[in-house]
Every structure is written in C-alpha cells, then in structure tokens.
Amino acid sequence: MDEKEIQKLQKGEVFINLTYLPDDVVSVSSRIHINAHPEAVWKTLTDYDNLSSYLPKVMASDVVERHGNEIILDQTGKTGIFIFEKVVNFRLKLREEYPNSISFEQIAGDFLVYQGEWLLETSNAIQGTLLSYNAKLKPIFFAPPILVSFVQWQDLPGILTAHKQRAEAL
C-alpha cells in the first residue's frame, strides 16, 4: 500500500477492482478502511442472522447449521439495476478463521459460481482494520458479465460502508 492509497482509504474511499475471467465469470476485489479493531469488524461480519437489518439489498439471512467454524447460511437478496431487479436466493458454506478471514462458497442457489472471502487485516501504516471482499461470480440466469460487473460496482460501496458504520459504532 502506498501513501496515496492509505490517504484515500482513511478518507473513506472504497476500492473496487473488477476482472473478466473465462466462461463469463466476474472477479471482484474490494477494500475499505474501518476505524475499529478487527474484533469489532469480525462481530459485524459474523452477525449472520441480522445482516438484513443493516446491509442494503439483503432481504434475509439465516444460519441453517453451525459446526465449529463451519456455517451453512441461507440468504435472499436483490440484484440488478433500476427497474431490472431480481430476487436471488443462495445457500453458502462459510468457513471462519478468527480473526482473519471468512471464506464462502455457494452450495445451492441462483449462481453457477459464487465463492470468495472476507479478509481482515491490520497494518502499521494505518490504524484500524482493512476489510477486503474478494469473490468470483456468475449467475445461473442470463446476465452479461458487463451487467454483473456494473451491479458489483454499484452495490459494493454500500455493503462495505454499512459494515464500516456498524463496526465503528460498536
């Protein structure tokens, strides 16, 4: 991380990088700075049953099973742009590695590919926590990669900012 990136993160900017992969899969990497300890960010991320109360476009989020650090989570959300929004459902298998990462992979639902991770990092260069979201996705329904990437570009700042606000309020 260079000085310019640190300054932008401290000002609240959300970094997003989108890449097109073979077979119409979209890869997204994003990062935000949260002025809170990793424990507060972790608590926010893992409050699975309450994600719909503060995350935009998340309509429902329910833990189905929990076995140690492995969780099965059902989620319902909205995706799309303008009047072309669609409700999506998916079941994720999560693996928590406290306090550093949460990896996830869809095991049922409306995506052919949906897998990724949340990473929590600290740095001597910046106080607080750097929260990163990295994922690969491809919906089961027709959606050109350019549309999928636009939706990610549009929605991720709100999602990351909601996590930031909640963690900083703890």
Protein backbone atom coordinates (compact mmCIF):
# COMPACT_ATOMS: atom_id res chain seq x y z
CA MET A 1 0.00 0.00 0.00
CA ASP A 2 1.42 3.34 -0.97
CA GLU A 3 0.83 6.66 0.81
CA LYS A 4 -1.79 7.79 -1.71
CA GLU A 5 -3.85 4.62 -1.25
CA ILE A 6 -3.62 4.95 2.55
CA GLN A 7 -4.87 8.54 2.39
CA LYS A 8 -7.80 7.57 0.16
CA LEU A 9 -8.75 4.70 2.45
CA GLN A 10 -8.56 6.97 5.52
CA LYS A 11 -10.94 9.39 3.78
CA GLY A 12 -13.47 6.59 3.40
CA GLU A 13 -12.95 5.63 -0.23
CA VAL A 14 -13.91 2.13 -1.28
CA PHE A 15 -11.51 0.45 -3.69
CA ILE A 16 -13.05 -1.89 -6.26
CA ASN A 17 -11.28 -3.89 -8.96
CA LEU A 18 -13.24 -5.96 -11.49
CA THR A 19 -11.80 -8.58 -13.83
CA TYR A 20 -13.44 -10.71 -16.51
CA LEU A 21 -12.48 -14.38 -16.31
CA PRO A 22 -13.15 -17.20 -18.78
CA ASP A 23 -16.70 -18.61 -19.07
CA ASP A 24 -18.31 -15.23 -18.22
CA VAL A 25 -17.17 -15.33 -14.58
CA VAL A 26 -16.60 -11.93 -12.98
CA SER A 27 -13.92 -11.49 -10.33
CA VAL A 28 -14.25 -8.63 -7.86
CA SER A 29 -11.79 -7.38 -5.25
CA SER A 30 -12.65 -4.53 -2.92
CA ARG A 31 -11.30 -2.89 0.20
CA ILE A 32 -12.34 -0.36 2.82
CA HIS A 33 -10.69 1.06 5.94
CA ILE A 34 -12.64 0.68 9.17
CA ASN A 35 -11.64 2.73 12.20
CA ALA A 36 -12.23 -0.15 14.59
CA HIS A 37 -10.36 -3.14 15.95
CA PRO A 38 -10.62 -6.39 13.98
CA GLU A 39 -12.77 -7.87 16.78
CA ALA A 40 -15.50 -5.28 16.13
CA VAL A 41 -15.34 -5.86 12.37
CA TRP A 42 -15.49 -9.62 12.96
CA LYS A 43 -18.53 -9.22 15.20
CA THR A 44 -20.26 -7.21 12.48
CA LEU A 45 -19.44 -9.67 9.68
CA THR A 46 -20.49 -12.73 11.67
CA ASP A 47 -23.82 -11.41 12.93
CA TYR A 48 -25.32 -13.52 10.15
CA ASP A 49 -28.92 -13.61 11.38
CA ASN A 50 -29.08 -9.80 11.49
CA LEU A 51 -27.34 -8.86 8.22
CA SER A 52 -30.66 -7.98 6.61
CA SER A 53 -31.27 -5.29 9.24
CA TYR A 54 -28.41 -3.10 8.00
CA LEU A 55 -26.98 -4.37 4.71
CA PRO A 56 -28.53 -2.90 1.57
CA LYS A 57 -30.21 -5.39 -0.75
CA VAL A 58 -30.01 -8.24 1.81
CA MET A 59 -33.62 -9.26 2.42
CA ALA A 60 -32.99 -12.30 4.66
CA SER A 61 -30.01 -14.04 6.20
CA ASP A 62 -30.40 -17.13 8.37
CA VAL A 63 -27.93 -19.59 9.87
CA VAL A 64 -29.14 -23.09 9.00
CA GLU A 65 -26.33 -25.07 10.65
CA ARG A 66 -23.21 -24.37 12.67
CA HIS A 67 -20.45 -26.90 13.34
CA GLY A 68 -17.45 -25.20 14.94
CA ASN A 69 -16.06 -22.74 12.42
CA GLU A 70 -18.23 -24.02 9.54
CA ILE A 71 -21.62 -22.45 8.93
CA ILE A 72 -24.40 -23.08 6.43
CA LEU A 73 -26.15 -19.80 5.69
CA ASP A 74 -29.29 -19.09 3.63
CA GLN A 75 -29.55 -15.62 2.13
CA THR A 76 -32.05 -13.80 -0.03
CA GLY A 77 -31.19 -10.53 -1.70
CA LYS A 78 -31.95 -8.20 -4.55
CA THR A 79 -29.66 -7.80 -7.50
CA GLY A 80 -29.83 -5.78 -10.68
CA ILE A 81 -30.18 -2.17 -11.73
CA PHE A 82 -33.01 0.31 -11.96
CA ILE A 83 -36.30 -1.46 -12.65
CA PHE A 84 -34.48 -4.67 -13.61
CA GLU A 85 -34.04 -6.01 -10.10
CA LYS A 86 -34.27 -9.72 -9.40
CA VAL A 87 -34.59 -11.57 -6.10
CA VAL A 88 -31.84 -14.16 -5.66
CA ASN A 89 -31.58 -16.99 -3.16
CA PHE A 90 -28.49 -18.92 -2.24
CA ARG A 91 -27.10 -21.24 0.40
CA LEU A 92 -23.49 -20.62 1.38
CA LYS A 93 -20.98 -22.78 3.17
CA LEU A 94 -18.80 -20.49 5.28
CA ARG A 95 -15.50 -21.24 7.00
CA GLU A 96 -14.42 -18.81 9.70
CA GLU A 97 -10.75 -18.37 10.58
CA TYR A 98 -10.95 -15.99 13.54
CA PRO A 99 -9.99 -13.13 13.37
CA ASN A 100 -8.52 -13.10 9.87
CA SER A 101 -10.93 -14.43 7.26
CA ILE A 102 -14.28 -15.86 6.31
CA SER A 103 -14.35 -17.90 3.13
CA PHE A 104 -17.60 -18.78 1.40
CA GLU A 105 -18.91 -20.90 -1.43
CA GLN A 106 -22.41 -21.31 -2.74
CA ILE A 107 -23.68 -24.87 -2.34
CA ALA A 108 -27.18 -24.19 -3.74
CA GLY A 109 -28.93 -21.26 -5.34
CA ASP A 110 -29.10 -18.78 -8.16
CA PHE A 111 -25.42 -18.68 -9.14
CA LEU A 112 -23.33 -21.07 -11.21
CA VAL A 113 -20.26 -19.61 -9.48
CA TYR A 114 -20.28 -17.71 -6.20
CA GLN A 115 -17.25 -18.10 -3.97
CA GLY A 116 -14.87 -15.81 -2.19
CA GLU A 117 -13.64 -14.45 1.10
CA TRP A 118 -13.71 -11.60 3.55
CA LEU A 119 -10.24 -10.65 4.83
CA LEU A 120 -9.48 -8.58 7.91
CA GLU A 121 -6.01 -7.06 8.04
CA THR A 122 -4.11 -4.63 10.20
CA SER A 123 -1.14 -2.56 9.14
CA ASN A 124 1.49 -0.42 10.82
CA ALA A 125 0.75 2.21 8.16
CA ILE A 126 -2.89 2.74 9.15
CA GLN A 127 -4.85 2.34 12.39
CA GLY A 128 -7.92 0.17 12.47
CA THR A 129 -8.83 -2.66 10.12
CA LEU A 130 -8.62 -3.08 6.38
CA LEU A 131 -11.62 -5.12 5.25
CA SER A 132 -11.35 -6.80 1.87
CA TYR A 133 -14.01 -8.67 -0.08
CA ASN A 134 -12.88 -10.91 -2.93
CA ALA A 135 -15.27 -13.02 -4.97
CA LYS A 136 -15.89 -14.82 -8.25
CA LEU A 137 -19.44 -14.93 -9.51
CA LYS A 138 -21.62 -15.95 -12.38
CA PRO A 139 -25.41 -16.02 -12.07
CA ILE A 140 -27.43 -19.00 -13.24
CA PHE A 141 -29.81 -16.65 -15.07
CA PHE A 142 -28.78 -14.70 -18.15
CA ALA A 143 -26.74 -11.64 -17.22
CA PRO A 144 -23.83 -10.47 -19.39
CA PRO A 145 -20.55 -10.05 -17.48
CA ILE A 146 -20.65 -6.29 -18.09
CA LEU A 147 -24.00 -6.12 -16.28
CA VAL A 148 -22.77 -8.34 -13.43
CA SER A 149 -19.70 -6.13 -13.01
CA PHE A 150 -21.81 -2.95 -13.10
CA VAL A 151 -24.06 -4.30 -10.34
CA GLN A 152 -20.99 -5.17 -8.23
CA TRP A 153 -19.53 -1.70 -8.86
CA GLN A 154 -22.84 -0.14 -7.85
CA ASP A 155 -23.64 -2.30 -4.77
CA LEU A 156 -20.30 -2.99 -3.08
CA PRO A 157 -19.64 0.54 -1.78
CA GLY A 158 -22.97 0.46 0.09
CA ILE A 159 -22.33 -3.00 1.53
CA LEU A 160 -18.79 -2.20 2.66
CA THR A 161 -19.83 1.18 4.05
CA ALA A 162 -22.66 -0.45 6.03
CA HIS A 163 -20.16 -2.88 7.59
CA LYS A 164 -17.86 0.06 8.35
CA GLN A 165 -20.59 2.12 10.02
CA ARG A 166 -21.81 -0.78 12.12
CA ALA A 167 -18.32 -1.84 13.26
CA GLU A 168 -17.33 1.74 14.11
CA ALA A 169 -20.50 2.13 16.20
CA LEU A 170 -19.67 -0.90 18.41
